[in-house]
PDB file of all heavy atoms in Angstrom:
ATOM      1  N   ASN A   1      17.925  -3.429  64.428  1.00  0.00           N
ATOM      2  CA  ASN A   1      17.350  -4.455  63.551  1.00  0.00           C
ATOM      3  C   ASN A   1      17.849  -5.856  63.902  1.00  0.00           C
ATOM      4  O   ASN A   1      18.218  -6.644  63.027  1.00  0.00           O
ATOM      5  CB  ASN A   1      17.659  -4.135  62.081  1.00  0.00           C
ATOM      6  CG  ASN A   1      17.147  -2.768  61.671  1.00  0.00           C
ATOM      7  OD1 ASN A   1      16.007  -2.413  61.960  1.00  0.00           O
ATOM      8  ND2 ASN A   1      18.001  -1.980  61.045  1.00  0.00           N
ATOM      9  N   CYS A   2      17.868  -6.143  65.192  1.00  0.00           N
ATOM     10  CA  CYS A   2      18.312  -7.450  65.669  1.00  0.00           C
ATOM     11  C   CYS A   2      17.153  -8.172  66.332  1.00  0.00           C
ATOM     12  O   CYS A   2      16.161  -7.564  66.714  1.00  0.00           O
ATOM     13  CB  CYS A   2      19.463  -7.291  66.666  1.00  0.00           C
ATOM     14  SG  CYS A   2      20.933  -6.489  65.982  1.00  0.00           S
ATOM     15  N   SER A   3      17.295  -9.501  66.518  1.00  0.00           N
ATOM     16  CA  SER A   3      16.221 -10.268  67.146  1.00  0.00           C
ATOM     17  C   SER A   3      16.774 -11.382  68.009  1.00  0.00           C
ATOM     18  O   SER A   3      17.841 -11.952  67.734  1.00  0.00           O
ATOM     19  CB  SER A   3      15.280 -10.845  66.084  1.00  0.00           C
ATOM     20  OG  SER A   3      15.969 -11.760  65.250  1.00  0.00           O
ATOM     21  N   VAL A   4      16.020 -11.670  69.071  1.00  0.00           N
ATOM     22  CA  VAL A   4      16.271 -12.819  69.945  1.00  0.00           C
ATOM     23  C   VAL A   4      14.977 -13.612  69.944  1.00  0.00           C
ATOM     24  O   VAL A   4      13.942 -13.138  70.415  1.00  0.00           O
ATOM     25  CB  VAL A   4      16.643 -12.374  71.366  1.00  0.00           C
ATOM     26  CG1 VAL A   4      16.949 -13.592  72.237  1.00  0.00           C
ATOM     27  CG2 VAL A   4      17.834 -11.417  71.353  1.00  0.00           C
ATOM     28  N   ASN A   5      15.015 -14.829  69.405  1.00  0.00           N
ATOM     29  CA  ASN A   5      13.788 -15.581  69.132  1.00  0.00           C
ATOM     30  C   ASN A   5      13.837 -16.971  69.753  1.00  0.00           C
ATOM     31  O   ASN A   5      14.770 -17.739  69.496  1.00  0.00           O
ATOM     32  CB  ASN A   5      13.604 -15.750  67.613  1.00  0.00           C
ATOM     33  CG  ASN A   5      13.713 -14.450  66.861  1.00  0.00           C
ATOM     34  OD1 ASN A   5      12.931 -13.536  67.071  1.00  0.00           O
ATOM     35  ND2 ASN A   5      14.712 -14.351  65.982  1.00  0.00           N
ATOM     36  N   GLY A   6      12.847 -17.308  70.552  1.00  0.00           N
ATOM     37  CA  GLY A   6      12.696 -18.673  71.019  1.00  0.00           C
ATOM     38  C   GLY A   6      13.865 -19.204  71.814  1.00  0.00           C
ATOM     39  O   GLY A   6      14.142 -20.414  71.774  1.00  0.00           O
ATOM     40  N   CYS A   7      14.547 -18.341  72.564  1.00  0.00           N
ATOM     41  CA  CYS A   7      15.693 -18.767  73.367  1.00  0.00           C
ATOM     42  C   CYS A   7      15.264 -19.048  74.804  1.00  0.00           C
ATOM     43  O   CYS A   7      14.252 -18.526  75.281  1.00  0.00           O
ATOM     44  CB  CYS A   7      16.775 -17.696  73.363  1.00  0.00           C
ATOM     45  SG  CYS A   7      17.548 -17.434  71.744  1.00  0.00           S
ATOM     46  N   SER A   8      16.043 -19.860  75.508  1.00  0.00           N
ATOM     47  CA  SER A   8      15.790 -20.182  76.909  1.00  0.00           C
ATOM     48  C   SER A   8      16.925 -19.637  77.770  1.00  0.00           C
ATOM     49  O   SER A   8      18.098 -19.786  77.429  1.00  0.00           O
ATOM     50  CB  SER A   8      15.683 -21.698  77.110  1.00  0.00           C
ATOM     51  OG  SER A   8      14.554 -22.206  76.440  1.00  0.00           O
ATOM     52  N   PHE A   9      16.543 -19.020  78.887  1.00  0.00           N
ATOM     53  CA  PHE A   9      17.497 -18.456  79.829  1.00  0.00           C
ATOM     54  C   PHE A   9      17.151 -18.985  81.213  1.00  0.00           C
ATOM     55  O   PHE A   9      16.038 -18.769  81.704  1.00  0.00           O
ATOM     56  CB  PHE A   9      17.408 -16.928  79.835  1.00  0.00           C
ATOM     57  CG  PHE A   9      17.664 -16.280  78.503  1.00  0.00           C
ATOM     58  CD1 PHE A   9      16.657 -16.198  77.544  1.00  0.00           C
ATOM     59  CD2 PHE A   9      18.905 -15.749  78.198  1.00  0.00           C
ATOM     60  CE1 PHE A   9      16.890 -15.590  76.320  1.00  0.00           C
ATOM     61  CE2 PHE A   9      19.146 -15.142  76.973  1.00  0.00           C
ATOM     62  CZ  PHE A   9      18.139 -15.066  76.034  1.00  0.00           C
ATOM     63  N   TYR A  10      18.076 -19.663  81.862  1.00  0.00           N
ATOM     64  CA  TYR A  10      17.787 -20.206  83.188  1.00  0.00           C
ATOM     65  C   TYR A  10      19.100 -20.398  83.950  1.00  0.00           C
ATOM     66  O   TYR A  10      20.167 -20.588  83.362  1.00  0.00           O
ATOM     67  CB  TYR A  10      17.015 -21.517  83.092  1.00  0.00           C
ATOM     68  CG  TYR A  10      17.659 -22.585  82.227  1.00  0.00           C
ATOM     69  CD1 TYR A  10      18.429 -23.603  82.775  1.00  0.00           C
ATOM     70  CD2 TYR A  10      17.493 -22.573  80.841  1.00  0.00           C
ATOM     71  CE1 TYR A  10      19.022 -24.565  81.982  1.00  0.00           C
ATOM     72  CE2 TYR A  10      18.086 -23.533  80.026  1.00  0.00           C
ATOM     73  CZ  TYR A  10      18.845 -24.529  80.612  1.00  0.00           C
ATOM     74  OH  TYR A  10      19.438 -25.477  79.814  1.00  0.00           O
ATOM     75  N   ASN A  11      18.994 -20.306  85.285  1.00  0.00           N
ATOM     76  CA  ASN A  11      20.155 -20.492  86.158  1.00  0.00           C
ATOM     77  C   ASN A  11      21.262 -19.499  85.795  1.00  0.00           C
ATOM     78  O   ASN A  11      22.375 -19.879  85.453  1.00  0.00           O
ATOM     79  CB  ASN A  11      20.665 -21.933  86.079  1.00  0.00           C
ATOM     80  CG  ASN A  11      21.618 -22.279  87.214  1.00  0.00           C
ATOM     81  OD1 ASN A  11      21.829 -21.483  88.128  1.00  0.00           O
ATOM     82  ND2 ASN A  11      22.214 -23.459  87.148  1.00  0.00           N
ATOM     83  N   ILE A  12      20.934 -18.209  85.892  1.00  0.00           N
ATOM     84  CA  ILE A  12      21.836 -17.130  85.499  1.00  0.00           C
ATOM     85  C   ILE A  12      21.990 -16.167  86.669  1.00  0.00           C
ATOM     86  O   ILE A  12      21.020 -15.830  87.349  1.00  0.00           O
ATOM     87  CB  ILE A  12      21.292 -16.410  84.249  1.00  0.00           C
ATOM     88  CG1 ILE A  12      21.246 -17.382  83.065  1.00  0.00           C
ATOM     89  CG2 ILE A  12      22.125 -15.194  83.908  1.00  0.00           C
ATOM     90  CD1 ILE A  12      20.630 -16.800  81.807  1.00  0.00           C
ATOM     91  N   ALA A  13      23.220 -15.690  86.901  1.00  0.00           N
ATOM     92  CA  ALA A  13      23.501 -14.848  88.060  1.00  0.00           C
ATOM     93  C   ALA A  13      22.863 -13.468  87.948  1.00  0.00           C
ATOM     94  O   ALA A  13      22.420 -12.898  88.942  1.00  0.00           O
ATOM     95  CB  ALA A  13      25.012 -14.709  88.255  1.00  0.00           C
ATOM     96  N   ALA A  14      22.831 -12.895  86.744  1.00  0.00           N
ATOM     97  CA  ALA A  14      22.233 -11.574  86.524  1.00  0.00           C
ATOM     98  C   ALA A  14      21.045 -11.740  85.560  1.00  0.00           C
ATOM     99  O   ALA A  14      20.429 -12.796  85.500  1.00  0.00           O
ATOM    100  CB  ALA A  14      23.270 -10.593  86.004  1.00  0.00           C
ATOM    101  N   GLY A  15      20.717 -10.677  84.803  1.00  0.00           N
ATOM    102  CA  GLY A  15      19.537 -10.715  83.957  1.00  0.00           C
ATOM    103  C   GLY A  15      19.717 -11.561  82.708  1.00  0.00           C
ATOM    104  O   GLY A  15      20.827 -11.955  82.341  1.00  0.00           O
ATOM    105  N   ALA A  16      18.599 -11.814  82.026  1.00  0.00           N
ATOM    106  CA  ALA A  16      18.641 -12.608  80.795  1.00  0.00           C
ATOM    107  C   ALA A  16      19.046 -11.763  79.598  1.00  0.00           C
ATOM    108  O   ALA A  16      19.970 -12.117  78.855  1.00  0.00           O
ATOM    109  CB  ALA A  16      17.282 -13.263  80.554  1.00  0.00           C
ATOM    110  N   ILE A  17      18.374 -10.620  79.406  1.00  0.00           N
ATOM    111  CA  ILE A  17      18.563  -9.810  78.197  1.00  0.00           C
ATOM    112  C   ILE A  17      18.579  -8.340  78.587  1.00  0.00           C
ATOM    113  O   ILE A  17      17.710  -7.880  79.334  1.00  0.00           O
ATOM    114  CB  ILE A  17      17.439 -10.054  77.172  1.00  0.00           C
ATOM    115  CG1 ILE A  17      17.356 -11.538  76.783  1.00  0.00           C
ATOM    116  CG2 ILE A  17      17.642  -9.197  75.919  1.00  0.00           C
ATOM    117  CD1 ILE A  17      16.111 -11.887  75.977  1.00  0.00           C
ATOM    118  N   GLN A  18      19.559  -7.596  78.071  1.00  0.00           N
ATOM    119  CA  GLN A  18      19.548  -6.139  78.199  1.00  0.00           C
ATOM    120  C   GLN A  18      19.582  -5.518  76.813  1.00  0.00           C
ATOM    121  O   GLN A  18      20.424  -5.868  75.977  1.00  0.00           O
ATOM    122  CB  GLN A  18      20.721  -5.618  79.027  1.00  0.00           C
ATOM    123  CG  GLN A  18      20.740  -4.089  79.097  1.00  0.00           C
ATOM    124  CD  GLN A  18      21.560  -3.520  80.224  1.00  0.00           C
ATOM    125  OE1 GLN A  18      21.814  -4.189  81.223  1.00  0.00           O
ATOM    126  NE2 GLN A  18      21.973  -2.272  80.092  1.00  0.00           N
ATOM    127  N   VAL A  19      18.696  -4.556  76.583  1.00  0.00           N
ATOM    128  CA  VAL A  19      18.597  -3.847  75.308  1.00  0.00           C
ATOM    129  C   VAL A  19      18.824  -2.364  75.603  1.00  0.00           C
ATOM    130  O   VAL A  19      18.014  -1.726  76.266  1.00  0.00           O
ATOM    131  CB  VAL A  19      17.229  -4.068  74.648  1.00  0.00           C
ATOM    132  CG1 VAL A  19      17.153  -3.327  73.315  1.00  0.00           C
ATOM    133  CG2 VAL A  19      16.949  -5.555  74.461  1.00  0.00           C
ATOM    134  N   GLY A  20      19.929  -1.798  75.107  1.00  0.00           N
ATOM    135  CA  GLY A  20      20.237  -0.400  75.375  1.00  0.00           C
ATOM    136  C   GLY A  20      20.693  -0.185  76.806  1.00  0.00           C
ATOM    137  O   GLY A  20      20.751  -1.106  77.618  1.00  0.00           O
ATOM    138  N   THR A  21      21.047   1.075  77.108  1.00  0.00           N
ATOM    139  CA  THR A  21      21.554   1.431  78.426  1.00  0.00           C
ATOM    140  C   THR A  21      20.830   2.661  78.945  1.00  0.00           C
ATOM    141  O   THR A  21      20.060   3.311  78.236  1.00  0.00           O
ATOM    142  CB  THR A  21      23.062   1.732  78.380  1.00  0.00           C
ATOM    143  OG1 THR A  21      23.271   2.912  77.592  1.00  0.00           O
ATOM    144  CG2 THR A  21      23.852   0.575  77.788  1.00  0.00           C
ATOM    145  N   THR A  22      21.110   3.010  80.193  1.00  0.00           N
ATOM    146  CA  THR A  22      20.570   4.242  80.769  1.00  0.00           C
ATOM    147  C   THR A  22      21.323   5.465  80.258  1.00  0.00           C
ATOM    148  O   THR A  22      20.771   6.563  80.201  1.00  0.00           O
ATOM    149  CB  THR A  22      20.661   4.194  82.292  1.00  0.00           C
ATOM    150  OG1 THR A  22      22.025   4.095  82.690  1.00  0.00           O
ATOM    151  CG2 THR A  22      19.919   2.978  82.819  1.00  0.00           C
ATOM    152  N   TRP A  23      22.580   5.280  79.886  1.00  0.00           N
ATOM    153  CA  TRP A  23      23.399   6.395  79.380  1.00  0.00           C
ATOM    154  C   TRP A  23      22.857   6.950  78.073  1.00  0.00           C
ATOM    155  O   TRP A  23      22.965   8.147  77.787  1.00  0.00           O
ATOM    156  CB  TRP A  23      24.833   5.909  79.168  1.00  0.00           C
ATOM    157  CG  TRP A  23      25.692   6.848  78.388  1.00  0.00           C
ATOM    158  CD1 TRP A  23      26.395   7.916  78.855  1.00  0.00           C
ATOM    159  CD2 TRP A  23      25.937   6.813  76.975  1.00  0.00           C
ATOM    160  NE1 TRP A  23      27.067   8.542  77.844  1.00  0.00           N
ATOM    161  CE2 TRP A  23      26.792   7.888  76.676  1.00  0.00           C
ATOM    162  CE3 TRP A  23      25.511   5.991  75.933  1.00  0.00           C
ATOM    163  CZ2 TRP A  23      27.242   8.145  75.376  1.00  0.00           C
ATOM    164  CZ3 TRP A  23      25.943   6.246  74.657  1.00  0.00           C
ATOM    165  CH2 TRP A  23      26.801   7.317  74.387  1.00  0.00           C
ATOM    166  N   SER A  24      22.227   6.101  77.252  1.00  0.00           N
ATOM    167  CA  SER A  24      21.835   6.519  75.901  1.00  0.00           C
ATOM    168  C   SER A  24      20.756   7.595  75.902  1.00  0.00           C
ATOM    169  O   SER A  24      20.447   8.163  74.857  1.00  0.00           O
ATOM    170  CB  SER A  24      21.381   5.312  75.081  1.00  0.00           C
ATOM    171  OG  SER A  24      20.302   4.657  75.714  1.00  0.00           O
ATOM    172  N   GLY A  25      20.175   7.911  77.055  1.00  0.00           N
ATOM    173  CA  GLY A  25      19.225   9.004  77.109  1.00  0.00           C
ATOM    174  C   GLY A  25      19.838  10.355  76.791  1.00  0.00           C
ATOM    175  O   GLY A  25      19.130  11.324  76.497  1.00  0.00           O
ATOM    176  N   ARG A  26      21.161  10.432  76.819  1.00  0.00           N
ATOM    177  CA  ARG A  26      21.843  11.682  76.496  1.00  0.00           C
ATOM    178  C   ARG A  26      22.026  11.883  74.997  1.00  0.00           C
ATOM    179  O   ARG A  26      22.466  12.948  74.563  1.00  0.00           O
ATOM    180  CB  ARG A  26      23.227  11.687  77.158  1.00  0.00           C
ATOM    181  CG  ARG A  26      23.197  11.480  78.661  1.00  0.00           C
ATOM    182  CD  ARG A  26      24.596  11.384  79.211  1.00  0.00           C
ATOM    183  NE  ARG A  26      24.611  11.067  80.640  1.00  0.00           N
ATOM    184  CZ  ARG A  26      25.709  10.897  81.349  1.00  0.00           C
ATOM    185  NH1 ARG A  26      26.894  11.003  80.773  1.00  0.00           N
ATOM    186  NH2 ARG A  26      25.636  10.607  82.634  1.00  0.00           N
ATOM    187  N   LEU A  27      21.732  10.858  74.206  1.00  0.00           N
ATOM    188  CA  LEU A  27      21.977  10.947  72.771  1.00  0.00           C
ATOM    189  C   LEU A  27      20.954  11.861  72.106  1.00  0.00           C
ATOM    190  O   LEU A  27      19.785  11.895  72.505  1.00  0.00           O
ATOM    191  CB  LEU A  27      21.884   9.559  72.138  1.00  0.00           C
ATOM    192  CG  LEU A  27      22.945   8.547  72.566  1.00  0.00           C
ATOM    193  CD1 LEU A  27      22.592   7.178  72.000  1.00  0.00           C
ATOM    194  CD2 LEU A  27      24.325   8.983  72.107  1.00  0.00           C
TER     195      LEU A  27
END
């Protein structure tokens, strides 16, 4: 129940936003 709204991401070494992981498929 979280939100990221109207934000700007630029000049970044890796990604802008990550939601969840690959590990959580085991849950």
